[in-house]
Amino acid sequence: MMGLLSVDQSAVLVVAALFGMYQFADGGCSGRCCEGTDFTCVTTDWRMDRVYGMCYCDERCLKTKDCCFDYPTECPAQPCVVSEWSHWSGCAQHCQPSFRVRRRSVERLPQNSGQACPRLEEQAGCMEYQDRQGQFCTSVQDVYRWNSNRDCVGLIPGAAFITTMEYSKGRTHDLYGAPMDAGFCMEFKMESLTPQCMVENRPYTRWMQYLREGYSVCVACQPPAMNNHSRSCQGDGNLAERDELLHWQAVGSPRCRGTWRKVQRLQHCSCPQVHSFIFI
């Protein structure tokens, strides 16, 4: 026959009973994870700040600091999941500087304050050298001049269109599949550029931020931008005098443009990557 329990044994039993009640009490965030702000997503239990009382299991509780103690484990943050980028589209317009687009889709929305979805669409400057009938373009493109009110006030004929040298990585073969002509490189000294170049922050226009007055830049002239007959690119300044002021425009941002002077013609570009471009 069991004797009476000691005080210590009684205390152990009380603690065990309370622990069992706590384990099976209808508290915590198990099965209660709620989106956004939900005032009904509430229970009574220990909070993350170690205070016992009313606590929440919605996404807002992380900001209001009143989540239940088990919110991080029962409602772990799930970041947004997106698909791979699609292939780049063709240029929106033919025979003139334009843009191309690529997209991706959301495969899973973020949950429990997980990382938000990234940009789902990107645009990049491009130039299509064939018209919709498959004929090579023959017209000479012009750069539009804009005033401070963003009104077109004239044209700059024969200006150079440039983009990042990254764009040339896909230029391994010409339109007929033959190995591409290596072309040549023109070195210029940057004389001026518009303020819009410095504020571009889209993924495929950030290269414009590295344009600086007074710096030397290298621009490659390669097919298909290179004319087969003259072996020149529009605005390359190959025949210009050294002190002649020439115009350029960044493809992808019409208001990023400026002037430069020819320094020399090179067989290969030797400028730093951020100061190396390609004629379009």
C-alpha atoms as a PDB file:
ATOM      1  CA  MET A   1       0.000   0.000   0.000  1.00  0.00           C
ATOM      2  CA  MET A   2       1.426   3.406  -1.041  1.00  0.00           C
ATOM      3  CA  GLY A   3       2.111   5.849   1.673  1.00  0.00           C
ATOM      4  CA  LEU A   4       1.352   9.533   1.574  1.00  0.00           C
ATOM      5  CA  LEU A   5       3.264  11.594  -0.989  1.00  0.00           C
ATOM      6  CA  SER A   6       5.923  13.948   0.182  1.00  0.00           C
ATOM      7  CA  VAL A   7       5.677  17.688  -0.479  1.00  0.00           C
ATOM      8  CA  ASP A   8       8.318  17.483  -3.222  1.00  0.00           C
ATOM      9  CA  GLN A   9       6.521  14.626  -4.936  1.00  0.00           C
ATOM     10  CA  SER A  10       3.234  16.509  -4.764  1.00  0.00           C
ATOM     11  CA  ALA A  11       4.853  19.545  -6.346  1.00  0.00           C
ATOM     12  CA  VAL A  12       6.215  17.412  -9.190  1.00  0.00           C
ATOM     13  CA  LEU A  13       2.767  16.014  -9.865  1.00  0.00           C
ATOM     14  CA  VAL A  14       1.228  19.506  -9.930  1.00  0.00           C
ATOM     15  CA  VAL A  15       3.849  20.740 -12.403  1.00  0.00           C
ATOM     16  CA  ALA A  16       3.345  17.676 -14.583  1.00  0.00           C
ATOM     17  CA  ALA A  17      -0.418  18.174 -14.556  1.00  0.00           C
ATOM     18  CA  LEU A  18      -0.074  21.814 -15.496  1.00  0.00           C
ATOM     19  CA  PHE A  19       2.386  20.915 -18.261  1.00  0.00           C
ATOM     20  CA  GLY A  20      -0.035  18.353 -19.636  1.00  0.00           C
ATOM     21  CA  MET A  21      -2.864  20.899 -19.585  1.00  0.00           C
ATOM     22  CA  TYR A  22      -0.611  23.392 -21.361  1.00  0.00           C
ATOM     23  CA  GLN A  23       0.376  20.879 -24.010  1.00  0.00           C
ATOM     24  CA  PHE A  24      -3.211  20.035 -24.858  1.00  0.00           C
ATOM     25  CA  ALA A  25      -4.702  23.487 -24.323  1.00  0.00           C
ATOM     26  CA  ASP A  26      -6.320  25.120 -27.348  1.00  0.00           C
ATOM     27  CA  GLY A  27      -3.586  27.746 -27.684  1.00  0.00           C
ATOM     28  CA  GLY A  28      -0.683  28.584 -29.964  1.00  0.00           C
ATOM     29  CA  CYS A  29      -0.723  28.996 -33.734  1.00  0.00           C
ATOM     30  CA  SER A  30      -1.140  25.374 -34.787  1.00  0.00           C
ATOM     31  CA  GLY A  31      -3.630  25.471 -37.682  1.00  0.00           C
ATOM     32  CA  ARG A  32      -4.192  29.210 -37.223  1.00  0.00           C
ATOM     33  CA  CYS A  33      -1.827  30.919 -39.695  1.00  0.00           C
ATOM     34  CA  CYS A  34      -3.721  33.871 -41.198  1.00  0.00           C
ATOM     35  CA  GLU A  35      -2.902  36.320 -43.986  1.00  0.00           C
ATOM     36  CA  GLY A  36      -2.548  40.062 -43.559  1.00  0.00           C
ATOM     37  CA  THR A  37      -4.350  41.588 -40.580  1.00  0.00           C
ATOM     38  CA  ASP A  38      -6.974  39.306 -39.060  1.00  0.00           C
ATOM     39  CA  PHE A  39      -8.364  40.239 -35.637  1.00  0.00           C
ATOM     40  CA  THR A  40     -10.157  36.887 -35.404  1.00  0.00           C
ATOM     41  CA  CYS A  41      -6.857  35.022 -35.676  1.00  0.00           C
ATOM     42  CA  VAL A  42      -6.320  35.220 -31.935  1.00  0.00           C
ATOM     43  CA  THR A  43      -5.911  32.902 -28.971  1.00  0.00           C
ATOM     44  CA  THR A  44      -4.624  32.977 -25.418  1.00  0.00           C
ATOM     45  CA  ASP A  45      -1.135  31.693 -24.812  1.00  0.00           C
ATOM     46  CA  TRP A  46       2.427  32.806 -24.263  1.00  0.00           C
ATOM     47  CA  ARG A  47       3.561  35.541 -26.614  1.00  0.00           C
ATOM     48  CA  MET A  48       6.971  35.872 -28.184  1.00  0.00           C
ATOM     49  CA  ASP A  49       7.787  38.634 -25.662  1.00  0.00           C
ATOM     50  CA  ARG A  50       7.219  36.090 -22.856  1.00  0.00           C
ATOM     51  CA  VAL A  51       3.957  37.639 -21.706  1.00  0.00           C
ATOM     52  CA  TYR A  52       1.005  35.316 -21.170  1.00  0.00           C
ATOM     53  CA  GLY A  53      -2.289  36.584 -22.565  1.00  0.00           C
ATOM     54  CA  MET A  54      -3.975  37.349 -25.870  1.00  0.00           C
ATOM     55  CA  CYS A  55      -1.724  36.619 -28.844  1.00  0.00           C
ATOM     56  CA  TYR A  56      -2.152  36.572 -32.633  1.00  0.00           C
ATOM     57  CA  CYS A  57      -1.201  34.326 -35.539  1.00  0.00           C
ATOM     58  CA  ASP A  58      -1.674  36.705 -38.483  1.00  0.00           C
ATOM     59  CA  GLU A  59       1.084  38.249 -40.570  1.00  0.00           C
ATOM     60  CA  ARG A  60       0.696  41.638 -38.881  1.00  0.00           C
ATOM     61  CA  CYS A  61       1.677  40.252 -35.494  1.00  0.00           C
ATOM     62  CA  LEU A  62       5.337  40.434 -36.490  1.00  0.00           C
ATOM     63  CA  LYS A  63       5.006  44.214 -36.738  1.00  0.00           C
ATOM     64  CA  THR A  64       2.822  44.654 -33.649  1.00  0.00           C
ATOM     65  CA  LYS A  65       5.036  42.265 -31.630  1.00  0.00           C
ATOM     66  CA  ASP A  66       2.092  40.258 -30.257  1.00  0.00           C
ATOM     67  CA  CYS A  67       2.598  36.897 -32.021  1.00  0.00           C
ATOM     68  CA  CYS A  68       2.070  33.684 -30.124  1.00  0.00           C
ATOM     69  CA  PHE A  69       5.316  32.062 -29.041  1.00  0.00           C
ATOM     70  CA  ASP A  70       5.136  29.343 -31.697  1.00  0.00           C
ATOM     71  CA  TYR A  71       4.322  31.600 -34.656  1.00  0.00           C
ATOM     72  CA  PRO A  72       7.798  31.259 -36.275  1.00  0.00           C
ATOM     73  CA  THR A  73       7.622  27.454 -36.239  1.00  0.00           C
ATOM     74  CA  GLU A  74       3.916  26.979 -36.989  1.00  0.00           C
ATOM     75  CA  CYS A  75       3.754  29.765 -39.591  1.00  0.00           C
ATOM     76  CA  PRO A  76       7.219  29.915 -41.162  1.00  0.00           C
ATOM     77  CA  ALA A  77       7.815  32.651 -43.733  1.00  0.00           C
ATOM     78  CA  GLN A  78       7.399  31.396 -47.306  1.00  0.00           C
ATOM     79  CA  PRO A  79       9.008  33.616 -49.982  1.00  0.00           C
ATOM     80  CA  CYS A  80       7.417  34.307 -53.318  1.00  0.00           C
ATOM     81  CA  VAL A  81       8.395  31.756 -55.948  1.00  0.00           C
ATOM     82  CA  VAL A  82       8.558  32.778 -59.602  1.00  0.00           C
ATOM     83  CA  SER A  83       9.229  30.910 -62.816  1.00  0.00           C
ATOM     84  CA  GLU A  84      12.331  31.241 -64.979  1.00  0.00           C
ATOM     85  CA  TRP A  85      12.477  34.186 -67.383  1.00  0.00           C
ATOM     86  CA  SER A  86      10.838  33.648 -70.742  1.00  0.00           C
ATOM     87  CA  HIS A  87      12.887  34.116 -73.893  1.00  0.00           C
ATOM     88  CA  TRP A  88      13.320  37.726 -74.992  1.00  0.00           C
ATOM     89  CA  SER A  89      10.625  38.879 -77.369  1.00  0.00           C
ATOM     90  CA  GLY A  90      11.478  40.426 -80.713  1.00  0.00           C
ATOM     91  CA  CYS A  91      11.902  44.185 -80.941  1.00  0.00           C
ATOM     92  CA  ALA A  92       8.622  46.035 -80.636  1.00  0.00           C
ATOM     93  CA  GLN A  93       9.422  47.995 -83.823  1.00  0.00           C
ATOM     94  CA  HIS A  94      11.587  47.249 -86.819  1.00  0.00           C
ATOM     95  CA  CYS A  95      14.354  49.342 -88.404  1.00  0.00           C
ATOM     96  CA  GLN A  96      14.641  51.736 -85.471  1.00  0.00           C
ATOM     97  CA  PRO A  97      15.823  51.646 -81.848  1.00  0.00           C
ATOM     98  CA  SER A  98      13.122  49.968 -79.830  1.00  0.00           C
ATOM     99  CA  PHE A  99      12.746  47.595 -76.886  1.00  0.00           C
ATOM    100  CA  ARG A 100      12.285  43.906 -76.202  1.00  0.00           C
ATOM    101  CA  VAL A 101      10.477  42.244 -73.308  1.00  0.00           C
ATOM    102  CA  ARG A 102      10.812  39.134 -71.205  1.00  0.00           C
ATOM    103  CA  ARG A 103       8.434  37.969 -68.482  1.00  0.00           C
ATOM    104  CA  ARG A 104       8.078  35.462 -65.683  1.00  0.00           C
ATOM    105  CA  SER A 105       5.072  34.357 -63.654  1.00  0.00           C
ATOM    106  CA  VAL A 106       4.267  33.795 -59.980  1.00  0.00           C
ATOM    107  CA  GLU A 107       4.256  30.141 -59.016  1.00  0.00           C
ATOM    108  CA  ARG A 108       3.595  30.713 -55.323  1.00  0.00           C
ATOM    109  CA  LEU A 109       2.581  33.898 -53.530  1.00  0.00           C
ATOM    110  CA  PRO A 110       4.487  34.866 -50.373  1.00  0.00           C
ATOM    111  CA  GLN A 111       3.030  33.666 -47.088  1.00  0.00           C
ATOM    112  CA  ASN A 112       3.510  34.679 -43.465  1.00  0.00           C
ATOM    113  CA  SER A 113       5.418  37.869 -44.336  1.00  0.00           C
ATOM    114  CA  GLY A 114       7.758  36.031 -46.684  1.00  0.00           C
ATOM    115  CA  GLN A 115       9.835  37.889 -49.259  1.00  0.00           C
ATOM    116  CA  ALA A 116       7.684  39.758 -51.772  1.00  0.00           C
ATOM    117  CA  CYS A 117       7.581  38.841 -55.441  1.00  0.00           C
ATOM    118  CA  PRO A 118      10.310  40.395 -57.630  1.00  0.00           C
ATOM    119  CA  ARG A 119       9.749  42.243 -60.881  1.00  0.00           C
ATOM    120  CA  LEU A 120       7.811  40.082 -63.347  1.00  0.00           C
ATOM    121  CA  GLU A 121       8.712  41.992 -66.520  1.00  0.00           C
ATOM    122  CA  GLU A 122      11.923  43.454 -67.882  1.00  0.00           C
ATOM    123  CA  GLN A 123      12.589  45.591 -70.929  1.00  0.00           C
ATOM    124  CA  ALA A 124      15.848  46.150 -72.762  1.00  0.00           C
ATOM    125  CA  GLY A 125      16.827  48.262 -75.731  1.00  0.00           C
ATOM    126  CA  CYS A 126      17.285  46.560 -79.081  1.00  0.00           C
ATOM    127  CA  MET A 127      17.444  47.141 -82.809  1.00  0.00           C
ATOM    128  CA  GLU A 128      15.859  44.924 -85.462  1.00  0.00           C
ATOM    129  CA  TYR A 129      17.784  45.088 -88.743  1.00  0.00           C
ATOM    130  CA  GLN A 130      15.120  43.484 -90.929  1.00  0.00           C
ATOM    131  CA  ASP A 131      11.624  44.743 -91.656  1.00  0.00           C
ATOM    132  CA  ARG A 132       8.496  42.619 -91.267  1.00  0.00           C
ATOM    133  CA  GLN A 133       8.948  41.320 -94.833  1.00  0.00           C
ATOM    134  CA  GLY A 134      12.448  40.065 -94.017  1.00  0.00           C
ATOM    135  CA  GLN A 135      14.214  42.779 -96.019  1.00  0.00           C
ATOM    136  CA  PHE A 136      17.278  44.506 -94.598  1.00  0.00           C
ATOM    137  CA  CYS A 137      16.600  47.978 -93.240  1.00  0.00           C
ATOM    138  CA  THR A 138      17.986  50.812 -95.341  1.00  0.00           C
ATOM    139  CA  SER A 139      16.724  53.966 -93.630  1.00  0.00           C
ATOM    140  CA  VAL A 140      19.058  56.069 -91.489  1.00  0.00           C
ATOM    141  CA  GLN A 141      17.796  56.577 -87.964  1.00  0.00           C
ATOM    142  CA  ASP A 142      17.719  59.924 -86.199  1.00  0.00           C
ATOM    143  CA  VAL A 143      17.877  60.872 -82.545  1.00  0.00           C
ATOM    144  CA  TYR A 144      15.097  63.090 -81.278  1.00  0.00           C
ATOM    145  CA  ARG A 145      16.052  66.199 -79.307  1.00  0.00           C
ATOM    146  CA  TRP A 146      13.827  66.930 -76.289  1.00  0.00           C
ATOM    147  CA  ASN A 147      13.471  70.100 -74.213  1.00  0.00           C
ATOM    148  CA  SER A 148      12.952  70.344 -70.429  1.00  0.00           C
ATOM    149  CA  ASN A 149       9.204  69.962 -70.890  1.00  0.00           C
ATOM    150  CA  ARG A 150       9.755  66.634 -72.657  1.00  0.00           C
ATOM    151  CA  ASP A 151       8.608  68.048 -75.978  1.00  0.00           C
ATOM    152  CA  CYS A 152      10.309  66.979 -79.176  1.00  0.00           C
ATOM    153  CA  VAL A 153      11.991  70.059 -80.616  1.00  0.00           C
ATOM    154  CA  GLY A 154      14.080  68.611 -83.440  1.00  0.00           C
ATOM    155  CA  LEU A 155      16.264  65.832 -84.757  1.00  0.00           C
ATOM    156  CA  ILE A 156      19.945  65.013 -84.488  1.00  0.00           C
ATOM    157  CA  PRO A 157      20.667  63.228 -87.774  1.00  0.00           C
ATOM    158  CA  GLY A 158      23.126  60.371 -87.892  1.00  0.00           C
ATOM    159  CA  ALA A 159      23.691  60.094 -84.152  1.00  0.00           C
ATOM    160  CA  ALA A 160      25.087  56.860 -82.714  1.00  0.00           C
ATOM    161  CA  PHE A 161      22.860  54.428 -80.856  1.00  0.00           C
ATOM    162  CA  ILE A 162      24.680  52.506 -78.132  1.00  0.00           C
ATOM    163  CA  THR A 163      23.980  49.858 -75.539  1.00  0.00           C
ATOM    164  CA  THR A 164      25.993  47.787 -73.090  1.00  0.00           C
ATOM    165  CA  MET A 165      28.646  45.418 -74.394  1.00  0.00           C
ATOM    166  CA  GLU A 166      26.665  42.634 -72.700  1.00  0.00           C
ATOM    167  CA  TYR A 167      24.298  42.795 -75.657  1.00  0.00           C
ATOM    168  CA  SER A 168      27.068  41.612 -77.979  1.00  0.00           C
ATOM    169  CA  LYS A 169      27.426  38.265 -76.180  1.00  0.00           C
ATOM    170  CA  GLY A 170      24.671  36.851 -78.340  1.00  0.00           C
ATOM    171  CA  ARG A 171      26.255  38.111 -81.549  1.00  0.00           C
ATOM    172  CA  THR A 172      28.247  35.057 -82.523  1.00  0.00           C
ATOM    173  CA  HIS A 173      26.772  34.540 -86.005  1.00  0.00           C
ATOM    174  CA  ASP A 174      25.247  36.832 -88.580  1.00  0.00           C
ATOM    175  CA  LEU A 175      21.689  36.651 -89.875  1.00  0.00           C
ATOM    176  CA  TYR A 176      22.695  33.878 -92.280  1.00  0.00           C
ATOM    177  CA  GLY A 177      24.413  31.736 -89.631  1.00  0.00           C
ATOM    178  CA  ALA A 178      27.971  32.497 -90.708  1.00  0.00           C
ATOM    179  CA  PRO A 179      30.632  33.377 -88.076  1.00  0.00           C
ATOM    180  CA  MET A 180      30.377  37.066 -87.336  1.00  0.00           C
ATOM    181  CA  ASP A 181      32.909  39.638 -88.492  1.00  0.00           C
ATOM    182  CA  ALA A 182      34.902  40.897 -85.489  1.00  0.00           C
ATOM    183  CA  GLY A 183      34.524  44.490 -86.718  1.00  0.00           C
ATOM    184  CA  PHE A 184      36.489  47.258 -85.031  1.00  0.00           C
ATOM    185  CA  CYS A 185      36.347  49.573 -82.028  1.00  0.00           C
ATOM    186  CA  MET A 186      36.086  53.349 -81.695  1.00  0.00           C
ATOM    187  CA  GLU A 187      37.402  55.180 -78.646  1.00  0.00           C
ATOM    188  CA  PHE A 188      35.667  58.428 -77.660  1.00  0.00           C
ATOM    189  CA  LYS A 189      36.036  61.008 -74.929  1.00  0.00           C
ATOM    190  CA  MET A 190      32.675  61.713 -73.283  1.00  0.00           C
ATOM    191  CA  GLU A 191      31.914  65.453 -73.431  1.00  0.00           C
ATOM    192  CA  SER A 192      28.336  65.694 -72.120  1.00  0.00           C
ATOM    193  CA  LEU A 193      25.329  63.628 -71.101  1.00  0.00           C
ATOM    194  CA  THR A 194      21.826  64.318 -69.855  1.00  0.00           C
ATOM    195  CA  PRO A 195      20.882  63.923 -66.150  1.00  0.00           C
ATOM    196  CA  GLN A 196      18.433  61.153 -67.068  1.00  0.00           C
ATOM    197  CA  CYS A 197      21.366  58.770 -67.578  1.00  0.00           C
ATOM    198  CA  MET A 198      22.222  58.927 -63.872  1.00  0.00           C
ATOM    199  CA  VAL A 199      18.749  58.026 -62.584  1.00  0.00           C
ATOM    200  CA  GLU A 200      18.170  54.915 -64.666  1.00  0.00           C
ATOM    201  CA  ASN A 201      17.780  51.967 -62.296  1.00  0.00           C
ATOM    202  CA  ARG A 202      15.972  49.310 -64.295  1.00  0.00           C
ATOM    203  CA  PRO A 203      17.938  46.059 -64.563  1.00  0.00           C
ATOM    204  CA  TYR A 204      18.773  46.542 -68.247  1.00  0.00           C
ATOM    205  CA  THR A 205      19.432  50.276 -68.132  1.00  0.00           C
ATOM    206  CA  ARG A 206      21.708  50.459 -65.077  1.00  0.00           C
ATOM    207  CA  TRP A 207      24.747  50.460 -67.352  1.00  0.00           C
ATOM    208  CA  MET A 208      23.881  54.075 -68.185  1.00  0.00           C
ATOM    209  CA  GLN A 209      24.804  55.108 -64.635  1.00  0.00           C
ATOM    210  CA  TYR A 210      28.477  54.496 -65.442  1.00  0.00           C
ATOM    211  CA  LEU A 211      28.559  57.121 -68.191  1.00  0.00           C
ATOM    212  CA  ARG A 212      30.704  60.044 -67.034  1.00  0.00           C
ATOM    213  CA  GLU A 213      31.827  63.300 -68.609  1.00  0.00           C
ATOM    214  CA  GLY A 214      35.551  63.395 -69.322  1.00  0.00           C
ATOM    215  CA  TYR A 215      35.973  59.611 -69.366  1.00  0.00           C
ATOM    216  CA  SER A 216      37.115  57.564 -72.346  1.00  0.00           C
ATOM    217  CA  VAL A 217      34.682  54.966 -73.641  1.00  0.00           C
ATOM    218  CA  CYS A 218      35.049  52.206 -76.231  1.00  0.00           C
ATOM    219  CA  VAL A 219      32.269  51.312 -78.661  1.00  0.00           C
ATOM    220  CA  ALA A 220      32.448  48.206 -80.847  1.00  0.00           C
ATOM    221  CA  CYS A 221      31.195  48.250 -84.436  1.00  0.00           C
ATOM    222  CA  GLN A 222      30.086  44.750 -85.398  1.00  0.00           C
ATOM    223  CA  PRO A 223      27.474  43.177 -87.665  1.00  0.00           C
ATOM    224  CA  PRO A 224      24.568  43.483 -87.981  1.00  0.00           C
ATOM    225  CA  ALA A 225      25.025  47.148 -87.010  1.00  0.00           C
ATOM    226  CA  MET A 226      27.978  47.323 -89.391  1.00  0.00           C
ATOM    227  CA  ASN A 227      27.060  48.208 -92.957  1.00  0.00           C
ATOM    228  CA  ASN A 228      28.280  45.477 -95.310  1.00  0.00           C
ATOM    229  CA  HIS A 229      29.308  47.951 -98.022  1.00  0.00           C
ATOM    230  CA  SER A 230      30.879  50.800 -96.057  1.00  0.00           C
ATOM    231  CA  ARG A 231      32.015  48.618 -93.140  1.00  0.00           C
ATOM    232  CA  SER A 232      30.918  51.333 -90.762  1.00  0.00           C
ATOM    233  CA  CYS A 233      28.283  51.817 -88.091  1.00  0.00           C
ATOM    234  CA  GLN A 234      25.906  54.734 -87.903  1.00  0.00           C
ATOM    235  CA  GLY A 235      27.470  57.543 -85.895  1.00  0.00           C
ATOM    236  CA  ASP A 236      30.812  55.780 -85.427  1.00  0.00           C
ATOM    237  CA  GLY A 237      32.688  58.988 -86.254  1.00  0.00           C
ATOM    238  CA  ASN A 238      35.282  57.096 -88.270  1.00  0.00           C
ATOM    239  CA  LEU A 239      35.527  59.891 -90.833  1.00  0.00           C
ATOM    240  CA  ALA A 240      35.059  62.746 -88.346  1.00  0.00           C
ATOM    241  CA  GLU A 241      37.782  65.181 -87.317  1.00  0.00           C
ATOM    242  CA  ARG A 242      39.230  64.741 -83.831  1.00  0.00           C
ATOM    243  CA  ASP A 243      37.745  68.023 -82.579  1.00  0.00           C
ATOM    244  CA  GLU A 244      34.308  67.406 -84.094  1.00  0.00           C
ATOM    245  CA  LEU A 245      31.471  67.074 -81.576  1.00  0.00           C
ATOM    246  CA  LEU A 246      29.443  63.931 -82.230  1.00  0.00           C
ATOM    247  CA  HIS A 247      26.115  62.814 -80.795  1.00  0.00           C
ATOM    248  CA  TRP A 248      25.050  59.537 -79.180  1.00  0.00           C
ATOM    249  CA  GLN A 249      21.917  58.127 -77.594  1.00  0.00           C
ATOM    250  CA  ALA A 250      21.418  55.174 -75.236  1.00  0.00           C
ATOM    251  CA  VAL A 251      19.053  52.523 -76.539  1.00  0.00           C
ATOM    252  CA  GLY A 252      16.432  51.746 -73.894  1.00  0.00           C
ATOM    253  CA  SER A 253      16.119  55.300 -72.575  1.00  0.00           C
ATOM    254  CA  PRO A 254      15.516  57.958 -75.269  1.00  0.00           C
ATOM    255  CA  ARG A 255      16.357  60.817 -72.889  1.00  0.00           C
ATOM    256  CA  CYS A 256      19.784  59.438 -71.988  1.00  0.00           C
ATOM    257  CA  ARG A 257      21.976  61.008 -74.665  1.00  0.00           C
ATOM    258  CA  GLY A 258      24.951  63.293 -75.071  1.00  0.00           C
ATOM    259  CA  THR A 259      28.058  64.179 -77.043  1.00  0.00           C
ATOM    260  CA  TRP A 260      31.570  62.842 -77.427  1.00  0.00           C
ATOM    261  CA  ARG A 261      34.715  63.390 -79.519  1.00  0.00           C
ATOM    262  CA  LYS A 262      36.635  60.749 -81.417  1.00  0.00           C
ATOM    263  CA  VAL A 263      39.972  59.689 -79.943  1.00  0.00           C
ATOM    264  CA  GLN A 264      41.072  56.818 -82.171  1.00  0.00           C
ATOM    265  CA  ARG A 265      40.064  53.698 -84.017  1.00  0.00           C
ATOM    266  CA  LEU A 266      41.193  50.387 -82.505  1.00  0.00           C
ATOM    267  CA  GLN A 267      41.180  46.809 -83.667  1.00  0.00           C
ATOM    268  CA  HIS A 268      39.755  45.660 -80.338  1.00  0.00           C
ATOM    269  CA  CYS A 269      38.108  47.513 -77.454  1.00  0.00           C
ATOM    270  CA  SER A 270      40.367  47.846 -74.410  1.00  0.00           C
ATOM    271  CA  CYS A 271      38.307  50.029 -72.053  1.00  0.00           C
ATOM    272  CA  PRO A 272      37.019  48.735 -68.683  1.00  0.00           C
ATOM    273  CA  GLN A 273      33.819  46.695 -68.960  1.00  0.00           C
ATOM    274  CA  VAL A 274      31.619  49.456 -67.529  1.00  0.00           C
ATOM    275  CA  HIS A 275      32.943  51.863 -70.189  1.00  0.00           C
ATOM    276  CA  SER A 276      32.622  49.443 -73.109  1.00  0.00           C
ATOM    277  CA  PHE A 277      29.594  49.633 -75.383  1.00  0.00           C
ATOM    278  CA  ILE A 278      28.388  48.511 -78.756  1.00  0.00           C
ATOM    279  CA  PHE A 279      26.762  50.309 -81.661  1.00  0.00           C
ATOM    280  CA  ILE A 280      23.180  49.258 -82.357  1.00  0.00           C
END
